[in-house]
Amino acid sequence: MKKPQGRAIILRLVERCDVVYENFRPGALDRLGVGYEACRRVNPSIIYASATGYGQTARMRTGPGKT
């Protein structure tokens, strides 16, 4: 996803799918160019689910989840 070719592949897949599920740290996919807004541009009816170790707004939200 860090290379343009990778982003293009992801967005081509998003065009054909119904749901995107991701569990990266908040904002990571936005920085890579394949976050919710980018997915919605290529597929306006996309269902985009995000699960993180500490949620989107918690104090530790940018930290990695612990196992």
PDB file of N, CA and C in Angstrom:
ATOM      1  N   MET A   1       0.810  -1.200   0.000  1.00  0.00           N
ATOM      2  CA  MET A   1       0.000   0.000   0.000  1.00  0.00           C
ATOM      3  C   MET A   1       0.851   1.260   0.000  1.00  0.00           C
ATOM      4  N   LYS A   2       2.130   1.127   0.268  1.00  0.00           N
ATOM      5  CA  LYS A   2       2.987   2.306   0.308  1.00  0.00           C
ATOM      6  C   LYS A   2       3.414   2.759  -1.077  1.00  0.00           C
ATOM      7  N   LYS A   3       3.221   1.917  -2.069  1.00  0.00           N
ATOM      8  CA  LYS A   3       3.566   2.276  -3.445  1.00  0.00           C
ATOM      9  C   LYS A   3       2.286   2.560  -4.227  1.00  0.00           C
ATOM     10  N   PRO A   4       2.344   3.421  -5.234  1.00  0.00           N
ATOM     11  CA  PRO A   4       1.153   3.739  -6.023  1.00  0.00           C
ATOM     12  C   PRO A   4       0.469   2.502  -6.612  1.00  0.00           C
ATOM     13  N   GLN A   5       1.252   1.515  -7.023  1.00  0.00           N
ATOM     14  CA  GLN A   5       0.665   0.305  -7.601  1.00  0.00           C
ATOM     15  C   GLN A   5      -0.169  -0.444  -6.560  1.00  0.00           C
ATOM     16  N   GLY A   6       0.309  -0.480  -5.340  1.00  0.00           N
ATOM     17  CA  GLY A   6      -0.424  -1.140  -4.264  1.00  0.00           C
ATOM     18  C   GLY A   6      -1.726  -0.433  -3.948  1.00  0.00           C
ATOM     19  N   ARG A   7      -1.678   0.892  -3.876  1.00  0.00           N
ATOM     20  CA  ARG A   7      -2.905   1.670  -3.636  1.00  0.00           C
ATOM     21  C   ARG A   7      -3.907   1.439  -4.751  1.00  0.00           C
ATOM     22  N   ALA A   8      -3.429   1.414  -5.981  1.00  0.00           N
ATOM     23  CA  ALA A   8      -4.320   1.199  -7.122  1.00  0.00           C
ATOM     24  C   ALA A   8      -4.998  -0.169  -7.035  1.00  0.00           C
ATOM     25  N   ILE A   9      -4.259  -1.182  -6.633  1.00  0.00           N
ATOM     26  CA  ILE A   9      -4.842  -2.519  -6.484  1.00  0.00           C
ATOM     27  C   ILE A   9      -5.925  -2.517  -5.416  1.00  0.00           C
ATOM     28  N   ILE A  10      -5.621  -1.916  -4.264  1.00  0.00           N
ATOM     29  CA  ILE A  10      -6.604  -1.852  -3.171  1.00  0.00           C
ATOM     30  C   ILE A  10      -7.876  -1.159  -3.652  1.00  0.00           C
ATOM     31  N   LEU A  11      -7.749  -0.018  -4.304  1.00  0.00           N
ATOM     32  CA  LEU A  11      -8.930   0.735  -4.727  1.00  0.00           C
ATOM     33  C   LEU A  11      -9.704   0.011  -5.832  1.00  0.00           C
ATOM     34  N   ARG A  12      -9.019  -0.748  -6.676  1.00  0.00           N
ATOM     35  CA  ARG A  12      -9.735  -1.565  -7.676  1.00  0.00           C
ATOM     36  C   ARG A  12     -10.551  -2.664  -6.986  1.00  0.00           C
ATOM     37  N   LEU A  13     -10.000  -3.236  -5.942  1.00  0.00           N
ATOM     38  CA  LEU A  13     -10.747  -4.242  -5.181  1.00  0.00           C
ATOM     39  C   LEU A  13     -11.961  -3.615  -4.494  1.00  0.00           C
ATOM     40  N   VAL A  14     -11.776  -2.423  -3.951  1.00  0.00           N
ATOM     41  CA  VAL A  14     -12.869  -1.724  -3.264  1.00  0.00           C
ATOM     42  C   VAL A  14     -14.022  -1.439  -4.228  1.00  0.00           C
ATOM     43  N   GLU A  15     -13.718  -1.178  -5.484  1.00  0.00           N
ATOM     44  CA  GLU A  15     -14.774  -0.933  -6.470  1.00  0.00           C
ATOM     45  C   GLU A  15     -15.744  -2.109  -6.547  1.00  0.00           C
ATOM     46  N   ARG A  16     -15.258  -3.312  -6.301  1.00  0.00           N
ATOM     47  CA  ARG A  16     -16.058  -4.529  -6.493  1.00  0.00           C
ATOM     48  C   ARG A  16     -16.580  -5.146  -5.204  1.00  0.00           C
ATOM     49  N   CYS A  17     -16.190  -4.633  -4.063  1.00  0.00           N
ATOM     50  CA  CYS A  17     -16.612  -5.280  -2.818  1.00  0.00           C
ATOM     51  C   CYS A  17     -17.719  -4.481  -2.130  1.00  0.00           C
ATOM     52  N   ASP A  18     -18.313  -5.117  -1.143  1.00  0.00           N
ATOM     53  CA  ASP A  18     -19.385  -4.485  -0.369  1.00  0.00           C
ATOM     54  C   ASP A  18     -18.872  -3.922   0.951  1.00  0.00           C
ATOM     55  N   VAL A  19     -17.861  -4.587   1.531  1.00  0.00           N
ATOM     56  CA  VAL A  19     -17.391  -4.233   2.870  1.00  0.00           C
ATOM     57  C   VAL A  19     -15.871  -4.177   2.893  1.00  0.00           C
ATOM     58  N   VAL A  20     -15.345  -3.174   3.573  1.00  0.00           N
ATOM     59  CA  VAL A  20     -13.914  -3.104   3.890  1.00  0.00           C
ATOM     60  C   VAL A  20     -13.818  -3.158   5.406  1.00  0.00           C
ATOM     61  N   TYR A  21     -12.992  -4.063   5.909  1.00  0.00           N
ATOM     62  CA  TYR A  21     -12.742  -4.171   7.347  1.00  0.00           C
ATOM     63  C   TYR A  21     -11.246  -3.979   7.569  1.00  0.00           C
ATOM     64  N   GLU A  22     -10.889  -3.079   8.450  1.00  0.00           N
ATOM     65  CA  GLU A  22      -9.473  -2.836   8.726  1.00  0.00           C
ATOM     66  C   GLU A  22      -9.235  -2.705  10.218  1.00  0.00           C
ATOM     67  N   ASN A  23      -8.004  -3.027  10.632  1.00  0.00           N
ATOM     68  CA  ASN A  23      -7.668  -2.891  12.053  1.00  0.00           C
ATOM     69  C   ASN A  23      -6.295  -2.256  12.240  1.00  0.00           C
ATOM     70  N   PHE A  24      -6.015  -1.250  11.425  1.00  0.00           N
ATOM     71  CA  PHE A  24      -4.788  -0.473  11.572  1.00  0.00           C
ATOM     72  C   PHE A  24      -4.983   0.596  12.643  1.00  0.00           C
ATOM     73  N   ARG A  25      -3.901   1.234  13.045  1.00  0.00           N
ATOM     74  CA  ARG A  25      -4.020   2.362  13.977  1.00  0.00           C
ATOM     75  C   ARG A  25      -4.822   3.481  13.311  1.00  0.00           C
ATOM     76  N   PRO A  26      -5.551   4.282  14.110  1.00  0.00           N
ATOM     77  CA  PRO A  26      -6.349   5.361  13.530  1.00  0.00           C
ATOM     78  C   PRO A  26      -5.515   6.273  12.632  1.00  0.00           C
ATOM     79  N   GLY A  27      -6.018   6.533  11.430  1.00  0.00           N
ATOM     80  CA  GLY A  27      -5.366   7.433  10.493  1.00  0.00           C
ATOM     81  C   GLY A  27      -4.334   6.782   9.582  1.00  0.00           C
ATOM     82  N   ALA A  28      -3.939   5.546   9.872  1.00  0.00           N
ATOM     83  CA  ALA A  28      -2.889   4.900   9.077  1.00  0.00           C
ATOM     84  C   ALA A  28      -3.300   4.736   7.612  1.00  0.00           C
ATOM     85  N   LEU A  29      -4.505   4.265   7.371  1.00  0.00           N
ATOM     86  CA  LEU A  29      -4.928   4.056   5.982  1.00  0.00           C
ATOM     87  C   LEU A  29      -5.198   5.382   5.268  1.00  0.00           C
ATOM     88  N   ASP A  30      -5.609   6.389   6.003  1.00  0.00           N
ATOM     89  CA  ASP A  30      -5.750   7.726   5.394  1.00  0.00           C
ATOM     90  C   ASP A  30      -4.397   8.208   4.891  1.00  0.00           C
ATOM     91  N   ARG A  31      -3.365   8.040   5.703  1.00  0.00           N
ATOM     92  CA  ARG A  31      -2.017   8.458   5.295  1.00  0.00           C
ATOM     93  C   ARG A  31      -1.523   7.673   4.080  1.00  0.00           C
ATOM     94  N   LEU A  32      -1.956   6.438   3.950  1.00  0.00           N
ATOM     95  CA  LEU A  32      -1.557   5.612   2.817  1.00  0.00           C
ATOM     96  C   LEU A  32      -2.420   5.833   1.569  1.00  0.00           C
ATOM     97  N   GLY A  33      -3.482   6.625   1.724  1.00  0.00           N
ATOM     98  CA  GLY A  33      -4.336   6.935   0.577  1.00  0.00           C
ATOM     99  C   GLY A  33      -5.429   5.926   0.300  1.00  0.00           C
ATOM    100  N   VAL A  34      -5.725   5.055   1.271  1.00  0.00           N
ATOM    101  CA  VAL A  34      -6.790   4.071   1.080  1.00  0.00           C
ATOM    102  C   VAL A  34      -7.748   4.045   2.271  1.00  0.00           C
ATOM    103  N   GLY A  35      -7.934   5.191   2.914  1.00  0.00           N
ATOM    104  CA  GLY A  35      -8.864   5.301   4.030  1.00  0.00           C
ATOM    105  C   GLY A  35     -10.302   5.379   3.550  1.00  0.00           C
ATOM    106  N   TYR A  36     -11.201   5.660   4.487  1.00  0.00           N
ATOM    107  CA  TYR A  36     -12.638   5.671   4.184  1.00  0.00           C
ATOM    108  C   TYR A  36     -12.988   6.601   3.027  1.00  0.00           C
ATOM    109  N   GLU A  37     -12.518   7.826   3.051  1.00  0.00           N
ATOM    110  CA  GLU A  37     -12.890   8.775   1.996  1.00  0.00           C
ATOM    111  C   GLU A  37     -12.415   8.309   0.622  1.00  0.00           C
ATOM    112  N   ALA A  38     -11.228   7.767   0.544  1.00  0.00           N
ATOM    113  CA  ALA A  38     -10.714   7.253  -0.738  1.00  0.00           C
ATOM    114  C   ALA A  38     -11.554   6.075  -1.212  1.00  0.00           C
ATOM    115  N   CYS A  39     -11.921   5.198  -0.287  1.00  0.00           N
ATOM    116  CA  CYS A  39     -12.760   4.051  -0.650  1.00  0.00           C
ATOM    117  C   CYS A  39     -14.149   4.508  -1.089  1.00  0.00           C
ATOM    118  N   ARG A  40     -14.693   5.477  -0.391  1.00  0.00           N
ATOM    119  CA  ARG A  40     -16.029   5.978  -0.727  1.00  0.00           C
ATOM    120  C   ARG A  40     -16.055   6.656  -2.093  1.00  0.00           C
ATOM    121  N   ARG A  41     -14.949   7.286  -2.475  1.00  0.00           N
ATOM    122  CA  ARG A  41     -14.906   7.917  -3.810  1.00  0.00           C
ATOM    123  C   ARG A  41     -15.033   6.882  -4.920  1.00  0.00           C
ATOM    124  N   VAL A  42     -14.441   5.708  -4.740  1.00  0.00           N
ATOM    125  CA  VAL A  42     -14.518   4.697  -5.796  1.00  0.00           C
ATOM    126  C   VAL A  42     -15.734   3.787  -5.651  1.00  0.00           C
ATOM    127  N   ASN A  43     -16.332   3.742  -4.451  1.00  0.00           N
ATOM    128  CA  ASN A  43     -17.519   2.919  -4.227  1.00  0.00           C
ATOM    129  C   ASN A  43     -18.388   3.603  -3.170  1.00  0.00           C
ATOM    130  N   PRO A  44     -19.304   4.482  -3.596  1.00  0.00           N
ATOM    131  CA  PRO A  44     -20.101   5.258  -2.647  1.00  0.00           C
ATOM    132  C   PRO A  44     -20.953   4.419  -1.696  1.00  0.00           C
ATOM    133  N   SER A  45     -21.240   3.175  -2.029  1.00  0.00           N
ATOM    134  CA  SER A  45     -22.077   2.356  -1.146  1.00  0.00           C
ATOM    135  C   SER A  45     -21.256   1.439  -0.242  1.00  0.00           C
ATOM    136  N   ILE A  46     -19.962   1.672  -0.148  1.00  0.00           N
ATOM    137  CA  ILE A  46     -19.087   0.812   0.644  1.00  0.00           C
ATOM    138  C   ILE A  46     -19.460   0.862   2.125  1.00  0.00           C
ATOM    139  N   ILE A  47     -19.373  -0.265   2.777  1.00  0.00           N
ATOM    140  CA  ILE A  47     -19.488  -0.352   4.233  1.00  0.00           C
ATOM    141  C   ILE A  47     -18.061  -0.474   4.740  1.00  0.00           C
ATOM    142  N   TYR A  48     -17.627   0.458   5.574  1.00  0.00           N
ATOM    143  CA  TYR A  48     -16.240   0.537   6.019  1.00  0.00           C
ATOM    144  C   TYR A  48     -16.209   0.347   7.525  1.00  0.00           C
ATOM    145  N   ALA A  49     -15.657  -0.765   7.970  1.00  0.00           N
ATOM    146  CA  ALA A  49     -15.596  -1.069   9.399  1.00  0.00           C
ATOM    147  C   ALA A  49     -14.155  -0.970   9.879  1.00  0.00           C
ATOM    148  N   SER A  50     -13.978  -0.376  11.041  1.00  0.00           N
ATOM    149  CA  SER A  50     -12.647  -0.201  11.592  1.00  0.00           C
ATOM    150  C   SER A  50     -12.642  -0.644  13.047  1.00  0.00           C
ATOM    151  N   ALA A  51     -11.674  -1.482  13.407  1.00  0.00           N
ATOM    152  CA  ALA A  51     -11.515  -1.923  14.797  1.00  0.00           C
ATOM    153  C   ALA A  51     -10.068  -1.664  15.197  1.00  0.00           C
ATOM    154  N   THR A  52      -9.879  -0.982  16.305  1.00  0.00           N
ATOM    155  CA  THR A  52      -8.527  -0.692  16.778  1.00  0.00           C
ATOM    156  C   THR A  52      -8.372  -1.195  18.206  1.00  0.00           C
ATOM    157  N   GLY A  53      -7.150  -1.288  18.644  1.00  0.00           N
ATOM    158  CA  GLY A  53      -6.880  -1.783  19.985  1.00  0.00           C
ATOM    159  C   GLY A  53      -7.512  -0.939  21.078  1.00  0.00           C
ATOM    160  N   TYR A  54      -7.561   0.377  20.881  1.00  0.00           N
ATOM    161  CA  TYR A  54      -8.057   1.278  21.924  1.00  0.00           C
ATOM    162  C   TYR A  54      -9.138   2.236  21.441  1.00  0.00           C
ATOM    163  N   GLY A  55      -9.703   2.002  20.268  1.00  0.00           N
ATOM    164  CA  GLY A  55     -10.752   2.871  19.756  1.00  0.00           C
ATOM    165  C   GLY A  55     -10.191   4.055  18.989  1.00  0.00           C
ATOM    166  N   GLN A  56     -11.073   4.890  18.495  1.00  0.00           N
ATOM    167  CA  GLN A  56     -10.688   6.031  17.672  1.00  0.00           C
ATOM    168  C   GLN A  56     -10.366   7.280  18.485  1.00  0.00           C
ATOM    169  N   THR A  57     -10.849   7.357  19.737  1.00  0.00           N
ATOM    170  CA  THR A  57     -10.695   8.599  20.489  1.00  0.00           C
ATOM    171  C   THR A  57     -10.010   8.435  21.843  1.00  0.00           C
ATOM    172  N   ALA A  58      -9.691   7.226  22.246  1.00  0.00           N
ATOM    173  CA  ALA A  58      -9.078   6.998  23.563  1.00  0.00           C
ATOM    174  C   ALA A  58      -7.684   7.614  23.635  1.00  0.00           C
ATOM    175  N   ARG A  59      -7.214   7.847  24.833  1.00  0.00           N
ATOM    176  CA  ARG A  59      -5.896   8.446  25.045  1.00  0.00           C
ATOM    177  C   ARG A  59      -4.797   7.622  24.384  1.00  0.00           C
ATOM    178  N   MET A  60      -4.904   6.314  24.386  1.00  0.00           N
ATOM    179  CA  MET A  60      -3.867   5.432  23.832  1.00  0.00           C
ATOM    180  C   MET A  60      -4.172   5.005  22.406  1.00  0.00           C
ATOM    181  N   ARG A  61      -5.039   5.708  21.704  1.00  0.00           N
ATOM    182  CA  ARG A  61      -5.502   5.291  20.374  1.00  0.00           C
ATOM    183  C   ARG A  61      -4.403   5.097  19.339  1.00  0.00           C
ATOM    184  N   THR A  62      -3.296   5.789  19.460  1.00  0.00           N
ATOM    185  CA  THR A  62      -2.237   5.645  18.454  1.00  0.00           C
ATOM    186  C   THR A  62      -1.258   4.533  18.795  1.00  0.00           C
ATOM    187  N   GLY A  63      -1.428   3.903  19.927  1.00  0.00           N
ATOM    188  CA  GLY A  63      -0.534   2.817  20.310  1.00  0.00           C
ATOM    189  C   GLY A  63      -0.979   1.490  19.730  1.00  0.00           C
ATOM    190  N   PRO A  64      -0.058   0.536  19.624  1.00  0.00           N
ATOM    191  CA  PRO A  64      -0.436  -0.775  19.111  1.00  0.00           C
ATOM    192  C   PRO A  64      -1.262  -1.531  20.148  1.00  0.00           C
ATOM    193  N   GLY A  65      -2.166  -2.379  19.680  1.00  0.00           N
ATOM    194  CA  GLY A  65      -2.933  -3.210  20.590  1.00  0.00           C
ATOM    195  C   GLY A  65      -2.031  -4.249  21.241  1.00  0.00           C
ATOM    196  N   LYS A  66      -2.299  -4.589  22.452  1.00  0.00           N
ATOM    197  CA  LYS A  66      -1.513  -5.587  23.189  1.00  0.00           C
ATOM    198  C   LYS A  66      -2.244  -6.919  23.138  1.00  0.00           C
ATOM    199  N   THR A  67      -1.481  -7.988  23.089  1.00  0.00           N
ATOM    200  CA  THR A  67      -2.094  -9.327  23.116  1.00  0.00           C
ATOM    201  C   THR A  67      -1.831  -9.991  24.432  1.00  0.00           C
TER     202      THR A  67
END
